[in-house]
């Protein structure tokens, strides 16, 4: 059960990170 939840959480955070990096590509100077 715990491993399944951990995998689900990792998938959630990886998707969130992908969204963040996609957004960060637009105002690149702002983040750097």
PDB file of N, CA and C in Angstrom:
ATOM      1  N   UNK A   1       0.841  -1.200   0.000  1.00  0.00           N
ATOM      2  CA  UNK A   1       0.000   0.000   0.000  1.00  0.00           C
ATOM      3  C   UNK A   1       0.881   1.258   0.000  1.00  0.00           C
ATOM      4  N   UNK A   2       1.876   1.241   0.878  1.00  0.00           N
ATOM      5  CA  UNK A   2       2.752   2.414   0.986  1.00  0.00           C
ATOM      6  C   UNK A   2       3.525   2.636  -0.313  1.00  0.00           C
ATOM      7  N   UNK A   3       4.003   1.538  -0.905  1.00  0.00           N
ATOM      8  CA  UNK A   3       4.774   1.664  -2.142  1.00  0.00           C
ATOM      9  C   UNK A   3       3.906   2.209  -3.270  1.00  0.00           C
ATOM     10  N   UNK A   4       2.657   1.788  -3.304  1.00  0.00           N
ATOM     11  CA  UNK A   4       1.738   2.277  -4.332  1.00  0.00           C
ATOM     12  C   UNK A   4       1.505   3.773  -4.143  1.00  0.00           C
ATOM     13  N   UNK A   5       1.305   4.193  -2.905  1.00  0.00           N
ATOM     14  CA  UNK A   5       1.084   5.611  -2.630  1.00  0.00           C
ATOM     15  C   UNK A   5       2.324   6.428  -2.967  1.00  0.00           C
ATOM     16  N   UNK A   6       3.494   5.877  -2.670  1.00  0.00           N
ATOM     17  CA  UNK A   6       4.745   6.572  -2.962  1.00  0.00           C
ATOM     18  C   UNK A   6       4.915   6.745  -4.468  1.00  0.00           C
ATOM     19  N   UNK A   7       4.602   5.687  -5.216  1.00  0.00           N
ATOM     20  CA  UNK A   7       4.717   5.768  -6.675  1.00  0.00           C
ATOM     21  C   UNK A   7       3.737   6.793  -7.229  1.00  0.00           C
ATOM     22  N   UNK A   8       2.538   6.812  -6.687  1.00  0.00           N
ATOM     23  CA  UNK A   8       1.524   7.768  -7.134  1.00  0.00           C
ATOM     24  C   UNK A   8       1.967   9.190  -6.814  1.00  0.00           C
ATOM     25  N   UNK A   9       2.551   9.373  -5.640  1.00  0.00           N
ATOM     26  CA  UNK A   9       3.037  10.695  -5.242  1.00  0.00           C
ATOM     27  C   UNK A   9       4.189  11.132  -6.143  1.00  0.00           C
ATOM     28  N   UNK A  10       5.077  10.213  -6.481  1.00  0.00           N
ATOM     29  CA  UNK A  10       6.198  10.551  -7.353  1.00  0.00           C
ATOM     30  C   UNK A  10       5.699  10.957  -8.732  1.00  0.00           C
ATOM     31  N   UNK A  11       4.714  10.236  -9.246  1.00  0.00           N
ATOM     32  CA  UNK A  11       4.147  10.592 -10.546  1.00  0.00           C
ATOM     33  C   UNK A  11       3.514  11.975 -10.485  1.00  0.00           C
ATOM     34  N   UNK A  12       2.848  12.269  -9.380  1.00  0.00           N
ATOM     35  CA  UNK A  12       2.206  13.577  -9.205  1.00  0.00           C
ATOM     36  C   UNK A  12       3.254  14.687  -9.203  1.00  0.00           C
ATOM     37  N   UNK A  13       4.323  14.483  -8.436  1.00  0.00           N
ATOM     38  CA  UNK A  13       5.349  15.525  -8.338  1.00  0.00           C
ATOM     39  C   UNK A  13       6.123  15.664  -9.638  1.00  0.00           C
ATOM     40  N   UNK A  14       6.337  14.561 -10.348  1.00  0.00           N
ATOM     41  CA  UNK A  14       7.045  14.645 -11.623  1.00  0.00           C
ATOM     42  C   UNK A  14       6.219  15.422 -12.640  1.00  0.00           C
ATOM     43  N   UNK A  15       4.908  15.195 -12.649  1.00  0.00           N
ATOM     44  CA  UNK A  15       4.030  15.954 -13.544  1.00  0.00           C
ATOM     45  C   UNK A  15       4.049  17.429 -13.166  1.00  0.00           C
ATOM     46  N   UNK A  16       4.028  17.696 -11.855  1.00  0.00           N
ATOM     47  CA  UNK A  16       4.038  19.073 -11.381  1.00  0.00           C
ATOM     48  C   UNK A  16       5.349  19.745 -11.770  1.00  0.00           C
ATOM     49  N   UNK A  17       6.445  18.994 -11.665  1.00  0.00           N
ATOM     50  CA  UNK A  17       7.759  19.527 -12.023  1.00  0.00           C
ATOM     51  C   UNK A  17       7.832  19.805 -13.518  1.00  0.00           C
ATOM     52  N   UNK A  18       7.249  18.938 -14.329  1.00  0.00           N
ATOM     53  CA  UNK A  18       7.218  19.158 -15.778  1.00  0.00           C
ATOM     54  C   UNK A  18       6.457  20.438 -16.098  1.00  0.00           C
ATOM     55  N   UNK A  19       5.326  20.639 -15.432  1.00  0.00           N
ATOM     56  CA  UNK A  19       4.545  21.856 -15.650  1.00  0.00           C
ATOM     57  C   UNK A  19       5.364  23.081 -15.251  1.00  0.00           C
ATOM     58  N   UNK A  20       6.074  22.971 -14.136  1.00  0.00           N
ATOM     59  CA  UNK A  20       6.876  24.103 -13.656  1.00  0.00           C
ATOM     60  C   UNK A  20       7.985  24.445 -14.642  1.00  0.00           C
ATOM     61  N   UNK A  21       8.670  23.432 -15.159  1.00  0.00           N
ATOM     62  CA  UNK A  21       9.765  23.686 -16.095  1.00  0.00           C
ATOM     63  C   UNK A  21       9.231  24.255 -17.402  1.00  0.00           C
ATOM     64  N   UNK A  22       8.052  23.808 -17.827  1.00  0.00           N
ATOM     65  CA  UNK A  22       7.453  24.350 -19.046  1.00  0.00           C
ATOM     66  C   UNK A  22       7.114  25.822 -18.862  1.00  0.00           C
ATOM     67  N   UNK A  23       6.620  26.163 -17.679  1.00  0.00           N
ATOM     68  CA  UNK A  23       6.299  27.563 -17.390  1.00  0.00           C
ATOM     69  C   UNK A  23       7.589  28.375 -17.284  1.00  0.00           C
ATOM     70  N   UNK A  24       8.608  27.779 -16.679  1.00  0.00           N
ATOM     71  CA  UNK A  24       9.865  28.489 -16.447  1.00  0.00           C
ATOM     72  C   UNK A  24      10.578  28.817 -17.757  1.00  0.00           C
ATOM     73  N   UNK A  25      10.306  28.080 -18.806  1.00  0.00           N
ATOM     74  CA  UNK A  25      10.955  28.332 -20.088  1.00  0.00           C
ATOM     75  C   UNK A  25      10.496  29.668 -20.673  1.00  0.00           C
ATOM     76  N   UNK A  26       9.313  30.115 -20.313  1.00  0.00           N
ATOM     77  CA  UNK A  26       8.770  31.352 -20.881  1.00  0.00           C
ATOM     78  C   UNK A  26       9.435  32.583 -20.243  1.00  0.00           C
ATOM     79  N   UNK A  27       9.281  32.797 -18.911  1.00  0.00           N
ATOM     80  CA  UNK A  27       9.975  33.935 -18.284  1.00  0.00           C
ATOM     81  C   UNK A  27      11.321  33.478 -17.728  1.00  0.00           C
ATOM     82  N   UNK A  28      12.216  33.068 -18.604  1.00  0.00           N
ATOM     83  CA  UNK A  28      13.477  32.468 -18.180  1.00  0.00           C
ATOM     84  C   UNK A  28      14.291  33.447 -17.338  1.00  0.00           C
ATOM     85  N   UNK A  29      14.323  34.703 -17.726  1.00  0.00           N
ATOM     86  CA  UNK A  29      15.114  35.699 -17.008  1.00  0.00           C
ATOM     87  C   UNK A  29      14.579  35.905 -15.593  1.00  0.00           C
ATOM     88  N   UNK A  30      13.288  35.756 -15.432  1.00  0.00           N
ATOM     89  CA  UNK A  30      12.685  35.965 -14.114  1.00  0.00           C
ATOM     90  C   UNK A  30      13.155  34.918 -13.118  1.00  0.00           C
ATOM     91  N   UNK A  31      13.256  33.665 -13.573  1.00  0.00           N
ATOM     92  CA  UNK A  31      13.636  32.586 -12.664  1.00  0.00           C
ATOM     93  C   UNK A  31      15.144  32.553 -12.432  1.00  0.00           C
ATOM     94  N   UNK A  32      15.924  32.998 -13.414  1.00  0.00           N
ATOM     95  CA  UNK A  32      17.372  32.980 -13.249  1.00  0.00           C
ATOM     96  C   UNK A  32      17.845  34.286 -12.636  1.00  0.00           C
TER      97      UNK A  32
END
